[in-house]
Amino acid sequence: MEFLTDLWKFLMQRKKFWLIPIIFVLLLLGVLLVIGGGTGLAPFIYTLF
Protein backbone atom coordinates (compact mmCIF):
# COMPACT_ATOMS: atom_id res chain seq x y z
CA MET A 1 0.00 0.00 0.00
CA GLU A 2 2.98 2.28 0.56
CA PHE A 3 3.78 2.15 -3.15
CA LEU A 4 0.35 3.54 -4.04
CA THR A 5 0.64 6.40 -1.57
CA ASP A 6 4.12 7.24 -2.86
CA LEU A 7 2.85 7.14 -6.45
CA TRP A 8 -0.06 9.41 -5.56
CA LYS A 9 2.22 11.90 -3.78
CA PHE A 10 4.57 11.90 -6.78
CA LEU A 11 1.73 12.57 -9.21
CA MET A 12 0.38 15.43 -7.12
CA GLN A 13 3.74 17.01 -6.31
CA ARG A 14 5.13 16.87 -9.84
CA LYS A 15 1.79 17.78 -11.49
CA LYS A 16 1.85 14.64 -13.66
CA PHE A 17 -1.92 14.43 -14.00
CA TRP A 18 -1.64 13.04 -17.54
CA LEU A 19 -0.26 9.79 -16.06
CA ILE A 20 -3.47 9.01 -14.17
CA PRO A 21 -5.47 7.78 -17.22
CA ILE A 22 -2.51 5.69 -18.40
CA ILE A 23 -2.16 4.01 -15.01
CA PHE A 24 -5.93 3.43 -14.88
CA VAL A 25 -5.97 1.75 -18.30
CA LEU A 26 -3.00 -0.45 -17.41
CA LEU A 27 -4.68 -1.54 -14.19
CA LEU A 28 -7.91 -2.27 -16.04
CA LEU A 29 -6.11 -4.40 -18.61
CA GLY A 30 -4.29 -6.24 -15.85
CA VAL A 31 -7.55 -7.02 -14.07
CA LEU A 32 -9.09 -8.24 -17.33
CA LEU A 33 -6.14 -10.54 -17.92
CA VAL A 34 -6.33 -11.99 -14.42
CA ILE A 35 -10.09 -12.51 -14.59
CA GLY A 36 -10.07 -13.74 -18.18
CA GLY A 37 -7.24 -16.19 -17.70
CA GLY A 38 -8.83 -18.57 -15.30
CA THR A 39 -12.57 -18.17 -15.20
CA GLY A 40 -15.56 -18.98 -17.32
CA LEU A 41 -15.72 -15.33 -18.37
CA ALA A 42 -12.76 -15.77 -20.72
CA PRO A 43 -14.80 -16.28 -23.93
CA PHE A 44 -16.77 -13.11 -23.24
CA ILE A 45 -13.70 -11.03 -22.47
CA TYR A 46 -11.81 -12.27 -25.52
CA THR A 47 -14.64 -11.14 -27.79
CA LEU A 48 -14.01 -7.55 -26.69
CA PHE A 49 -10.61 -7.62 -28.35
PDB file of N, CA and C in Angstrom:
ATOM      1  N   MET A   1       0.827  -1.188   0.000  1.00  0.00           N
ATOM      2  CA  MET A   1       0.000   0.000   0.000  1.00  0.00           C
ATOM      3  C   MET A   1       0.872   1.253   0.000  1.00  0.00           C
ATOM      4  N   GLU A   2       2.081   1.135   0.514  1.00  0.00           N
ATOM      5  CA  GLU A   2       2.981   2.282   0.563  1.00  0.00           C
ATOM      6  C   GLU A   2       3.349   2.750  -0.848  1.00  0.00           C
ATOM      7  N   PHE A   3       3.461   1.797  -1.774  1.00  0.00           N
ATOM      8  CA  PHE A   3       3.775   2.154  -3.154  1.00  0.00           C
ATOM      9  C   PHE A   3       2.700   3.054  -3.748  1.00  0.00           C
ATOM     10  N   LEU A   4       1.446   2.738  -3.484  1.00  0.00           N
ATOM     11  CA  LEU A   4       0.352   3.538  -4.036  1.00  0.00           C
ATOM     12  C   LEU A   4       0.333   4.944  -3.457  1.00  0.00           C
ATOM     13  N   THR A   5       0.607   5.059  -2.174  1.00  0.00           N
ATOM     14  CA  THR A   5       0.642   6.401  -1.575  1.00  0.00           C
ATOM     15  C   THR A   5       1.822   7.203  -2.110  1.00  0.00           C
ATOM     16  N   ASP A   6       2.970   6.548  -2.293  1.00  0.00           N
ATOM     17  CA  ASP A   6       4.117   7.242  -2.863  1.00  0.00           C
ATOM     18  C   ASP A   6       3.842   7.668  -4.301  1.00  0.00           C
ATOM     19  N   LEU A   7       3.196   6.812  -5.063  1.00  0.00           N
ATOM     20  CA  LEU A   7       2.846   7.143  -6.446  1.00  0.00           C
ATOM     21  C   LEU A   7       1.889   8.330  -6.480  1.00  0.00           C
ATOM     22  N   TRP A   8       0.906   8.317  -5.611  1.00  0.00           N
ATOM     23  CA  TRP A   8      -0.065   9.413  -5.565  1.00  0.00           C
ATOM     24  C   TRP A   8       0.619  10.729  -5.186  1.00  0.00           C
ATOM     25  N   LYS A   9       1.499  10.687  -4.193  1.00  0.00           N
ATOM     26  CA  LYS A   9       2.224  11.897  -3.784  1.00  0.00           C
ATOM     27  C   LYS A   9       3.106  12.418  -4.920  1.00  0.00           C
ATOM     28  N   PHE A  10       3.746  11.496  -5.649  1.00  0.00           N
ATOM     29  CA  PHE A  10       4.571  11.895  -6.785  1.00  0.00           C
ATOM     30  C   PHE A  10       3.736  12.583  -7.852  1.00  0.00           C
ATOM     31  N   LEU A  11       2.583  11.992  -8.173  1.00  0.00           N
ATOM     32  CA  LEU A  11       1.729  12.569  -9.205  1.00  0.00           C
ATOM     33  C   LEU A  11       1.230  13.963  -8.815  1.00  0.00           C
ATOM     34  N   MET A  12       0.900  14.153  -7.562  1.00  0.00           N
ATOM     35  CA  MET A  12       0.379  15.431  -7.116  1.00  0.00           C
ATOM     36  C   MET A  12       1.487  16.483  -6.994  1.00  0.00           C
ATOM     37  N   GLN A  13       2.647  16.066  -6.520  1.00  0.00           N
ATOM     38  CA  GLN A  13       3.740  17.012  -6.309  1.00  0.00           C
ATOM     39  C   GLN A  13       4.349  17.474  -7.635  1.00  0.00           C
ATOM     40  N   ARG A  14       4.496  16.547  -8.566  1.00  0.00           N
ATOM     41  CA  ARG A  14       5.129  16.874  -9.845  1.00  0.00           C
ATOM     42  C   ARG A  14       4.133  17.320 -10.914  1.00  0.00           C
ATOM     43  N   LYS A  15       2.851  17.371 -10.567  1.00  0.00           N
ATOM     44  CA  LYS A  15       1.791  17.784 -11.493  1.00  0.00           C
ATOM     45  C   LYS A  15       1.759  16.904 -12.748  1.00  0.00           C
ATOM     46  N   LYS A  16       1.874  15.602 -12.548  1.00  0.00           N
ATOM     47  CA  LYS A  16       1.848  14.644 -13.659  1.00  0.00           C
ATOM     48  C   LYS A  16       0.449  14.028 -13.782  1.00  0.00           C
ATOM     49  N   PHE A  17      -0.545  14.889 -13.945  1.00  0.00           N
ATOM     50  CA  PHE A  17      -1.923  14.426 -13.998  1.00  0.00           C
ATOM     51  C   PHE A  17      -2.214  13.602 -15.247  1.00  0.00           C
ATOM     52  N   TRP A  18      -1.431  13.778 -16.308  1.00  0.00           N
ATOM     53  CA  TRP A  18      -1.640  13.035 -17.540  1.00  0.00           C
ATOM     54  C   TRP A  18      -1.302  11.557 -17.369  1.00  0.00           C
ATOM     55  N   LEU A  19      -0.590  11.195 -16.310  1.00  0.00           N
ATOM     56  CA  LEU A  19      -0.256   9.793 -16.063  1.00  0.00           C
ATOM     57  C   LEU A  19      -1.422   9.008 -15.461  1.00  0.00           C
ATOM     58  N   ILE A  20      -2.363   9.693 -14.851  1.00  0.00           N
ATOM     59  CA  ILE A  20      -3.469   9.012 -14.169  1.00  0.00           C
ATOM     60  C   ILE A  20      -4.297   8.162 -15.125  1.00  0.00           C
ATOM     61  N   PRO A  21      -4.708   8.650 -16.305  1.00  0.00           N
ATOM     62  CA  PRO A  21      -5.468   7.775 -17.217  1.00  0.00           C
ATOM     63  C   PRO A  21      -4.654   6.590 -17.724  1.00  0.00           C
ATOM     64  N   ILE A  22      -3.365   6.788 -17.936  1.00  0.00           N
ATOM     65  CA  ILE A  22      -2.515   5.691 -18.401  1.00  0.00           C
ATOM     66  C   ILE A  22      -2.432   4.594 -17.348  1.00  0.00           C
ATOM     67  N   ILE A  23      -2.238   4.984 -16.108  1.00  0.00           N
ATOM     68  CA  ILE A  23      -2.164   4.008 -15.013  1.00  0.00           C
ATOM     69  C   ILE A  23      -3.495   3.290 -14.864  1.00  0.00           C
ATOM     70  N   PHE A  24      -4.598   4.028 -14.995  1.00  0.00           N
ATOM     71  CA  PHE A  24      -5.928   3.428 -14.877  1.00  0.00           C
ATOM     72  C   PHE A  24      -6.153   2.383 -15.964  1.00  0.00           C
ATOM     73  N   VAL A  25      -5.786   2.696 -17.192  1.00  0.00           N
ATOM     74  CA  VAL A  25      -5.975   1.748 -18.301  1.00  0.00           C
ATOM     75  C   VAL A  25      -5.096   0.514 -18.101  1.00  0.00           C
ATOM     76  N   LEU A  26      -3.877   0.694 -17.664  1.00  0.00           N
ATOM     77  CA  LEU A  26      -2.997  -0.453 -17.413  1.00  0.00           C
ATOM     78  C   LEU A  26      -3.548  -1.352 -16.308  1.00  0.00           C
ATOM     79  N   LEU A  27      -4.070  -0.750 -15.257  1.00  0.00           N
ATOM     80  CA  LEU A  27      -4.675  -1.540 -14.188  1.00  0.00           C
ATOM     81  C   LEU A  27      -5.911  -2.286 -14.678  1.00  0.00           C
ATOM     82  N   LEU A  28      -6.718  -1.632 -15.493  1.00  0.00           N
ATOM     83  CA  LEU A  28      -7.911  -2.265 -16.039  1.00  0.00           C
ATOM     84  C   LEU A  28      -7.543  -3.453 -16.921  1.00  0.00           C
ATOM     85  N   LEU A  29      -6.555  -3.287 -17.770  1.00  0.00           N
ATOM     86  CA  LEU A  29      -6.114  -4.397 -18.610  1.00  0.00           C
ATOM     87  C   LEU A  29      -5.543  -5.545 -17.783  1.00  0.00           C
ATOM     88  N   GLY A  30      -4.819  -5.206 -16.733  1.00  0.00           N
ATOM     89  CA  GLY A  30      -4.289  -6.239 -15.846  1.00  0.00           C
ATOM     90  C   GLY A  30      -5.392  -7.027 -15.165  1.00  0.00           C
ATOM     91  N   VAL A  31      -6.426  -6.339 -14.715  1.00  0.00           N
ATOM     92  CA  VAL A  31      -7.553  -7.021 -14.074  1.00  0.00           C
ATOM     93  C   VAL A  31      -8.276  -7.910 -15.082  1.00  0.00           C
ATOM     94  N   LEU A  32      -8.448  -7.424 -16.305  1.00  0.00           N
ATOM     95  CA  LEU A  32      -9.090  -8.238 -17.332  1.00  0.00           C
ATOM     96  C   LEU A  32      -8.283  -9.494 -17.645  1.00  0.00           C
ATOM     97  N   LEU A  33      -6.974  -9.371 -17.674  1.00  0.00           N
ATOM     98  CA  LEU A  33      -6.136 -10.542 -17.924  1.00  0.00           C
ATOM     99  C   LEU A  33      -6.220 -11.559 -16.798  1.00  0.00           C
ATOM    100  N   VAL A  34      -6.239 -11.077 -15.569  1.00  0.00           N
ATOM    101  CA  VAL A  34      -6.333 -11.990 -14.423  1.00  0.00           C
ATOM    102  C   VAL A  34      -7.684 -12.685 -14.403  1.00  0.00           C
ATOM    103  N   ILE A  35      -8.749 -11.926 -14.604  1.00  0.00           N
ATOM    104  CA  ILE A  35     -10.093 -12.511 -14.591  1.00  0.00           C
ATOM    105  C   ILE A  35     -10.291 -13.436 -15.794  1.00  0.00           C
ATOM    106  N   GLY A  36      -9.841 -12.984 -16.956  1.00  0.00           N
ATOM    107  CA  GLY A  36     -10.069 -13.742 -18.177  1.00  0.00           C
ATOM    108  C   GLY A  36      -9.211 -14.980 -18.304  1.00  0.00           C
ATOM    109  N   GLY A  37      -8.136 -15.053 -17.583  1.00  0.00           N
ATOM    110  CA  GLY A  37      -7.237 -16.186 -17.703  1.00  0.00           C
ATOM    111  C   GLY A  37      -7.736 -17.467 -17.058  1.00  0.00           C
ATOM    112  N   GLY A  38      -8.492 -17.359 -16.012  1.00  0.00           N
ATOM    113  CA  GLY A  38      -8.826 -18.572 -15.296  1.00  0.00           C
ATOM    114  C   GLY A  38     -10.284 -18.767 -14.940  1.00  0.00           C
ATOM    115  N   THR A  39     -11.158 -18.028 -15.548  1.00  0.00           N
ATOM    116  CA  THR A  39     -12.569 -18.172 -15.198  1.00  0.00           C
ATOM    117  C   THR A  39     -13.386 -18.500 -16.438  1.00  0.00           C
ATOM    118  N   GLY A  40     -14.642 -18.707 -16.227  1.00  0.00           N
ATOM    119  CA  GLY A  40     -15.559 -18.977 -17.323  1.00  0.00           C
ATOM    120  C   GLY A  40     -15.924 -17.731 -18.105  1.00  0.00           C
ATOM    121  N   LEU A  41     -15.448 -16.583 -17.660  1.00  0.00           N
ATOM    122  CA  LEU A  41     -15.723 -15.334 -18.373  1.00  0.00           C
ATOM    123  C   LEU A  41     -14.774 -15.105 -19.542  1.00  0.00           C
ATOM    124  N   ALA A  42     -13.785 -15.959 -19.691  1.00  0.00           N
ATOM    125  CA  ALA A  42     -12.759 -15.770 -20.717  1.00  0.00           C
ATOM    126  C   ALA A  42     -13.343 -15.620 -22.128  1.00  0.00           C
ATOM    127  N   PRO A  43     -14.285 -16.458 -22.561  1.00  0.00           N
ATOM    128  CA  PRO A  43     -14.804 -16.280 -23.928  1.00  0.00           C
ATOM    129  C   PRO A  43     -15.485 -14.932 -24.143  1.00  0.00           C
ATOM    130  N   PHE A  44     -16.094 -14.394 -23.106  1.00  0.00           N
ATOM    131  CA  PHE A  44     -16.773 -13.111 -23.240  1.00  0.00           C
ATOM    132  C   PHE A  44     -15.785 -11.957 -23.261  1.00  0.00           C
ATOM    133  N   ILE A  45     -14.708 -12.076 -22.495  1.00  0.00           N
ATOM    134  CA  ILE A  45     -13.700 -11.028 -22.474  1.00  0.00           C
ATOM    135  C   ILE A  45     -12.910 -11.020 -23.775  1.00  0.00           C
ATOM    136  N   TYR A  46     -12.598 -12.199 -24.301  1.00  0.00           N
ATOM    137  CA  TYR A  46     -11.806 -12.268 -25.525  1.00  0.00           C
ATOM    138  C   TYR A  46     -12.559 -11.712 -26.724  1.00  0.00           C
ATOM    139  N   THR A  47     -13.880 -11.705 -26.678  1.00  0.00           N
ATOM    140  CA  THR A  47     -14.638 -11.144 -27.791  1.00  0.00           C
ATOM    141  C   THR A  47     -14.538  -9.624 -27.816  1.00  0.00           C
ATOM    142  N   LEU A  48     -14.161  -9.015 -26.714  1.00  0.00           N
ATOM    143  CA  LEU A  48     -14.009  -7.554 -26.691  1.00  0.00           C
ATOM    144  C   LEU A  48     -12.815  -7.117 -27.515  1.00  0.00           C
ATOM    145  N   PHE A  49     -11.831  -7.993 -27.629  1.00  0.00           N
ATOM    146  CA  PHE A  49     -10.613  -7.622 -28.351  1.00  0.00           C
ATOM    147  C   PHE A  49     -10.588  -8.347 -29.653  1.00  0.00           C
TER     148      PHE A  49
END
